[in-house]
Amino acid sequence: MPRPERRTTTSRIDTPKGLRAQRPVAERRDRFGHFTELIARWMGTPWFILGLTAFVFVWMFWNTTAPDGWRFDSAAIGFTALTLILSLQASYAAPLILLAQNRQDDRDRVGMEQDRQRAERNLQDTEYLAREIVALRLGLEDLATKDFVRQELRAMLAELEKEREQEKERPGG
């Protein structure tokens, strides 16, 4: 006898959406972009600049004042290894920063489009409400006011009293 298929919470339709196991697919596809943004953000901090300055200072101090056997980058030939390291860092930093800026531009573009759509909806809602207010005002002009109703009631009462008096004055009444 075949075993009935066991249903998990991810496959059940009657399970509320919040209880289903969901995987952020878009996040996994864009790990590199997220990583580059983190690097670019970190490179823009004062701690990175201070750390790089301290690294360069220690490098130059060590290779200038240490005994000749301990030096690994000669000051006489212009700190070639330090220049290479800083050049590599700069060659990777520029594209990472540009990539992060492009991603930010994309987010800004999406945000501006959403703002434009929201503003358009707000304008439509405002125009609708303005039309409704005008319709209400026009409708209120046609409504009978309290004074008008009183005046009409007084006129009807006066007519009724007149008719009563006329009935009393008639010979058969």
C-alpha atoms as a PDB file:
ATOM      1  CA  MET A   1       0.000   0.000   0.000  1.00  0.00           C
ATOM      2  CA  PRO A   2       1.518   3.352  -0.985  1.00  0.00           C
ATOM      3  CA  ARG A   3       2.235   5.745   1.777  1.00  0.00           C
ATOM      4  CA  PRO A   4       0.259   8.980   1.751  1.00  0.00           C
ATOM      5  CA  GLU A   5       2.386  11.987   1.002  1.00  0.00           C
ATOM      6  CA  ARG A   6       3.128  13.914   4.142  1.00  0.00           C
ATOM      7  CA  ARG A   7       2.329  17.596   3.859  1.00  0.00           C
ATOM      8  CA  THR A   8       4.655  20.117   5.377  1.00  0.00           C
ATOM      9  CA  THR A   9       3.815  23.621   6.490  1.00  0.00           C
ATOM     10  CA  THR A  10       5.473  25.009   3.367  1.00  0.00           C
ATOM     11  CA  SER A  11       3.098  23.153   1.055  1.00  0.00           C
ATOM     12  CA  ARG A  12      -0.177  23.703   2.895  1.00  0.00           C
ATOM     13  CA  ILE A  13      -2.483  26.294   1.469  1.00  0.00           C
ATOM     14  CA  ASP A  14      -4.465  26.704   4.689  1.00  0.00           C
ATOM     15  CA  THR A  15      -1.352  27.700   6.640  1.00  0.00           C
ATOM     16  CA  PRO A  16      -1.034  31.445   7.159  1.00  0.00           C
ATOM     17  CA  LYS A  17       1.630  33.011   5.018  1.00  0.00           C
ATOM     18  CA  GLY A  18       3.722  34.079   8.001  1.00  0.00           C
ATOM     19  CA  LEU A  19       4.130  30.505   9.222  1.00  0.00           C
ATOM     20  CA  ARG A  20       5.413  29.108   5.936  1.00  0.00           C
ATOM     21  CA  ALA A  21       9.142  28.719   5.520  1.00  0.00           C
ATOM     22  CA  GLN A  22      10.198  31.318   2.991  1.00  0.00           C
ATOM     23  CA  ARG A  23      13.570  31.898   1.470  1.00  0.00           C
ATOM     24  CA  PRO A  24      14.647  35.342   0.394  1.00  0.00           C
ATOM     25  CA  VAL A  25      15.553  34.447  -3.191  1.00  0.00           C
ATOM     26  CA  ALA A  26      16.565  37.931  -4.289  1.00  0.00           C
ATOM     27  CA  GLU A  27      18.957  38.266  -1.356  1.00  0.00           C
ATOM     28  CA  ARG A  28      20.793  35.068  -2.270  1.00  0.00           C
ATOM     29  CA  ARG A  29      21.172  36.051  -5.908  1.00  0.00           C
ATOM     30  CA  ASP A  30      22.779  39.354  -5.024  1.00  0.00           C
ATOM     31  CA  ARG A  31      25.271  38.398  -2.343  1.00  0.00           C
ATOM     32  CA  PHE A  32      28.190  39.827  -4.318  1.00  0.00           C
ATOM     33  CA  GLY A  33      26.473  43.190  -4.705  1.00  0.00           C
ATOM     34  CA  HIS A  34      25.637  43.241  -1.011  1.00  0.00           C
ATOM     35  CA  PHE A  35      29.216  42.305  -0.151  1.00  0.00           C
ATOM     36  CA  THR A  36      30.636  45.064  -2.373  1.00  0.00           C
ATOM     37  CA  GLU A  37      28.344  47.595  -0.724  1.00  0.00           C
ATOM     38  CA  LEU A  38      29.583  46.523   2.691  1.00  0.00           C
ATOM     39  CA  ILE A  39      33.210  46.895   1.556  1.00  0.00           C
ATOM     40  CA  ALA A  40      32.537  50.286  -0.057  1.00  0.00           C
ATOM     41  CA  ARG A  41      30.684  51.465   3.044  1.00  0.00           C
ATOM     42  CA  TRP A  42      33.532  50.294   5.278  1.00  0.00           C
ATOM     43  CA  MET A  43      36.137  52.003   3.074  1.00  0.00           C
ATOM     44  CA  GLY A  44      34.307  55.284   3.552  1.00  0.00           C
ATOM     45  CA  THR A  45      34.556  55.223   7.334  1.00  0.00           C
ATOM     46  CA  PRO A  46      37.027  57.262   9.372  1.00  0.00           C
ATOM     47  CA  TRP A  47      38.246  54.024  10.975  1.00  0.00           C
ATOM     48  CA  PHE A  48      39.378  52.678   7.609  1.00  0.00           C
ATOM     49  CA  ILE A  49      41.236  55.903   6.792  1.00  0.00           C
ATOM     50  CA  LEU A  50      42.851  55.998  10.230  1.00  0.00           C
ATOM     51  CA  GLY A  51      43.744  52.294   9.985  1.00  0.00           C
ATOM     52  CA  LEU A  52      45.246  52.701   6.516  1.00  0.00           C
ATOM     53  CA  THR A  53      47.197  55.747   7.694  1.00  0.00           C
ATOM     54  CA  ALA A  54      48.523  53.818  10.698  1.00  0.00           C
ATOM     55  CA  PHE A  55      49.401  50.850   8.453  1.00  0.00           C
ATOM     56  CA  VAL A  56      51.361  53.070   6.035  1.00  0.00           C
ATOM     57  CA  PHE A  57      53.064  54.900   8.913  1.00  0.00           C
ATOM     58  CA  VAL A  58      54.104  51.638  10.617  1.00  0.00           C
ATOM     59  CA  TRP A  59      55.270  50.197   7.262  1.00  0.00           C
ATOM     60  CA  MET A  60      57.405  53.235   6.463  1.00  0.00           C
ATOM     61  CA  PHE A  61      58.711  53.540  10.028  1.00  0.00           C
ATOM     62  CA  TRP A  62      59.671  49.849  10.152  1.00  0.00           C
ATOM     63  CA  ASN A  63      61.378  49.845   6.762  1.00  0.00           C
ATOM     64  CA  THR A  64      63.239  53.056   7.572  1.00  0.00           C
ATOM     65  CA  THR A  65      64.411  52.461  11.159  1.00  0.00           C
ATOM     66  CA  ALA A  66      64.615  48.671  11.512  1.00  0.00           C
ATOM     67  CA  PRO A  67      67.950  46.867  11.053  1.00  0.00           C
ATOM     68  CA  ASP A  68      68.750  46.020   7.428  1.00  0.00           C
ATOM     69  CA  GLY A  69      68.076  42.301   7.890  1.00  0.00           C
ATOM     70  CA  TRP A  70      64.564  42.936   9.208  1.00  0.00           C
ATOM     71  CA  ARG A  71      63.484  45.314   6.462  1.00  0.00           C
ATOM     72  CA  PHE A  72      61.296  43.868   3.700  1.00  0.00           C
ATOM     73  CA  ASP A  73      60.679  47.004   1.589  1.00  0.00           C
ATOM     74  CA  SER A  74      63.593  49.293   0.916  1.00  0.00           C
ATOM     75  CA  ALA A  75      63.128  53.012   1.413  1.00  0.00           C
ATOM     76  CA  ALA A  76      66.015  53.569  -1.002  1.00  0.00           C
ATOM     77  CA  ILE A  77      63.973  52.373  -3.966  1.00  0.00           C
ATOM     78  CA  GLY A  78      60.756  54.112  -2.880  1.00  0.00           C
ATOM     79  CA  PHE A  79      58.844  51.476  -0.910  1.00  0.00           C
ATOM     80  CA  THR A  80      57.990  49.366  -3.962  1.00  0.00           C
ATOM     81  CA  ALA A  81      55.930  46.762  -2.067  1.00  0.00           C
ATOM     82  CA  LEU A  82      53.914  49.454  -0.270  1.00  0.00           C
ATOM     83  CA  THR A  83      53.257  51.187  -3.588  1.00  0.00           C
ATOM     84  CA  LEU A  84      52.111  47.881  -5.078  1.00  0.00           C
ATOM     85  CA  ILE A  85      49.791  47.162  -2.132  1.00  0.00           C
ATOM     86  CA  LEU A  86      48.250  50.645  -2.219  1.00  0.00           C
ATOM     87  CA  SER A  87      47.848  50.464  -6.001  1.00  0.00           C
ATOM     88  CA  LEU A  88      46.067  47.115  -5.721  1.00  0.00           C
ATOM     89  CA  GLN A  89      43.846  48.470  -2.981  1.00  0.00           C
ATOM     90  CA  ALA A  90      42.953  51.494  -5.115  1.00  0.00           C
ATOM     91  CA  SER A  91      42.369  49.388  -8.222  1.00  0.00           C
ATOM     92  CA  TYR A  92      39.843  47.259  -6.331  1.00  0.00           C
ATOM     93  CA  ALA A  93      38.324  50.123  -4.353  1.00  0.00           C
ATOM     94  CA  ALA A  94      37.274  52.217  -7.344  1.00  0.00           C
ATOM     95  CA  PRO A  95      35.154  49.523  -9.063  1.00  0.00           C
ATOM     96  CA  LEU A  96      33.644  48.446  -5.744  1.00  0.00           C
ATOM     97  CA  ILE A  97      32.625  52.015  -4.992  1.00  0.00           C
ATOM     98  CA  LEU A  98      31.205  52.453  -8.500  1.00  0.00           C
ATOM     99  CA  LEU A  99      29.251  49.210  -8.168  1.00  0.00           C
ATOM    100  CA  ALA A 100      27.848  50.347  -4.830  1.00  0.00           C
ATOM    101  CA  GLN A 101      26.922  53.719  -6.363  1.00  0.00           C
ATOM    102  CA  ASN A 102      25.174  51.993  -9.274  1.00  0.00           C
ATOM    103  CA  ARG A 103      23.180  49.834  -6.884  1.00  0.00           C
ATOM    104  CA  GLN A 104      22.259  52.919  -4.865  1.00  0.00           C
ATOM    105  CA  ASP A 105      21.210  54.694  -8.071  1.00  0.00           C
ATOM    106  CA  ASP A 106      18.977  51.727  -8.914  1.00  0.00           C
ATOM    107  CA  ARG A 107      17.397  51.860  -5.456  1.00  0.00           C
ATOM    108  CA  ASP A 108      16.935  55.626  -5.775  1.00  0.00           C
ATOM    109  CA  ARG A 109      15.338  55.187  -9.200  1.00  0.00           C
ATOM    110  CA  VAL A 110      12.886  52.624  -7.818  1.00  0.00           C
ATOM    111  CA  GLY A 111      12.172  54.886  -4.847  1.00  0.00           C
ATOM    112  CA  MET A 112      11.542  57.876  -7.112  1.00  0.00           C
ATOM    113  CA  GLU A 113       9.173  55.811  -9.266  1.00  0.00           C
ATOM    114  CA  GLN A 114       7.286  54.710  -6.169  1.00  0.00           C
ATOM    115  CA  ASP A 115       7.159  58.327  -4.949  1.00  0.00           C
ATOM    116  CA  ARG A 116       5.840  59.432  -8.349  1.00  0.00           C
ATOM    117  CA  GLN A 117       3.147  56.752  -8.291  1.00  0.00           C
ATOM    118  CA  ARG A 118       2.207  57.684  -4.722  1.00  0.00           C
ATOM    119  CA  ALA A 119       2.001  61.364  -5.672  1.00  0.00           C
ATOM    120  CA  GLU A 120      -0.155  60.473  -8.678  1.00  0.00           C
ATOM    121  CA  ARG A 121      -2.509  58.439  -6.474  1.00  0.00           C
ATOM    122  CA  ASN A 122      -2.643  61.287  -3.948  1.00  0.00           C
ATOM    123  CA  LEU A 123      -3.511  63.729  -6.733  1.00  0.00           C
ATOM    124  CA  GLN A 124      -6.262  61.433  -8.011  1.00  0.00           C
ATOM    125  CA  ASP A 125      -7.619  60.999  -4.488  1.00  0.00           C
ATOM    126  CA  THR A 126      -7.529  64.756  -3.909  1.00  0.00           C
ATOM    127  CA  GLU A 127      -9.327  65.437  -7.177  1.00  0.00           C
ATOM    128  CA  TYR A 128     -11.954  62.824  -6.319  1.00  0.00           C
ATOM    129  CA  LEU A 129     -12.495  64.343  -2.873  1.00  0.00           C
ATOM    130  CA  ALA A 130     -12.744  67.831  -4.377  1.00  0.00           C
ATOM    131  CA  ARG A 131     -15.410  66.606  -6.812  1.00  0.00           C
ATOM    132  CA  GLU A 132     -17.293  64.951  -3.958  1.00  0.00           C
ATOM    133  CA  ILE A 133     -17.174  68.136  -1.871  1.00  0.00           C
ATOM    134  CA  VAL A 134     -18.510  70.154  -4.809  1.00  0.00           C
ATOM    135  CA  ALA A 135     -21.299  67.600  -5.287  1.00  0.00           C
ATOM    136  CA  LEU A 136     -22.149  67.798  -1.581  1.00  0.00           C
ATOM    137  CA  ARG A 137     -22.249  71.590  -1.693  1.00  0.00           C
ATOM    138  CA  LEU A 138     -24.499  71.509  -4.741  1.00  0.00           C
ATOM    139  CA  GLY A 139     -26.694  68.957  -3.009  1.00  0.00           C
ATOM    140  CA  LEU A 140     -26.886  71.109   0.105  1.00  0.00           C
ATOM    141  CA  GLU A 141     -28.104  74.044  -1.954  1.00  0.00           C
ATOM    142  CA  ASP A 142     -31.114  71.964  -3.013  1.00  0.00           C
ATOM    143  CA  LEU A 143     -31.865  70.852   0.543  1.00  0.00           C
ATOM    144  CA  ALA A 144     -34.559  72.631   2.477  1.00  0.00           C
ATOM    145  CA  THR A 145     -33.189  74.671   5.327  1.00  0.00           C
ATOM    146  CA  LYS A 146     -34.745  74.805   8.762  1.00  0.00           C
ATOM    147  CA  ASP A 147     -36.053  78.337   8.185  1.00  0.00           C
ATOM    148  CA  PHE A 148     -37.562  77.347   4.844  1.00  0.00           C
ATOM    149  CA  VAL A 149     -39.348  74.358   6.413  1.00  0.00           C
ATOM    150  CA  ARG A 150     -40.678  76.545   9.254  1.00  0.00           C
ATOM    151  CA  GLN A 151     -41.910  79.128   6.801  1.00  0.00           C
ATOM    152  CA  GLU A 152     -43.665  76.469   4.723  1.00  0.00           C
ATOM    153  CA  LEU A 153     -45.240  74.927   7.830  1.00  0.00           C
ATOM    154  CA  ARG A 154     -46.490  78.347   8.959  1.00  0.00           C
ATOM    155  CA  ALA A 155     -47.978  78.933   5.522  1.00  0.00           C
ATOM    156  CA  MET A 156     -49.712  75.539   5.626  1.00  0.00           C
ATOM    157  CA  LEU A 157     -51.021  76.214   9.136  1.00  0.00           C
ATOM    158  CA  ALA A 158     -52.343  79.557   7.988  1.00  0.00           C
ATOM    159  CA  GLU A 159     -54.107  77.868   5.064  1.00  0.00           C
ATOM    160  CA  LEU A 160     -55.598  75.230   7.359  1.00  0.00           C
ATOM    161  CA  GLU A 161     -56.848  77.880   9.767  1.00  0.00           C
ATOM    162  CA  LYS A 162     -58.384  79.794   6.869  1.00  0.00           C
ATOM    163  CA  GLU A 163     -60.139  76.669   5.643  1.00  0.00           C
ATOM    164  CA  ARG A 164     -61.462  75.988   9.161  1.00  0.00           C
ATOM    165  CA  GLU A 165     -62.810  79.474   9.495  1.00  0.00           C
ATOM    166  CA  GLN A 166     -64.437  79.213   6.102  1.00  0.00           C
ATOM    167  CA  GLU A 167     -66.055  75.932   7.115  1.00  0.00           C
ATOM    168  CA  LYS A 168     -67.381  77.524  10.313  1.00  0.00           C
ATOM    169  CA  GLU A 169     -68.825  80.432   8.364  1.00  0.00           C
ATOM    170  CA  ARG A 170     -70.664  78.185   5.954  1.00  0.00           C
ATOM    171  CA  PRO A 171     -74.281  77.687   6.743  1.00  0.00           C
ATOM    172  CA  GLY A 172     -74.094  73.904   7.066  1.00  0.00           C
ATOM    173  CA  GLY A 173     -71.022  73.726   9.252  1.00  0.00           C
END
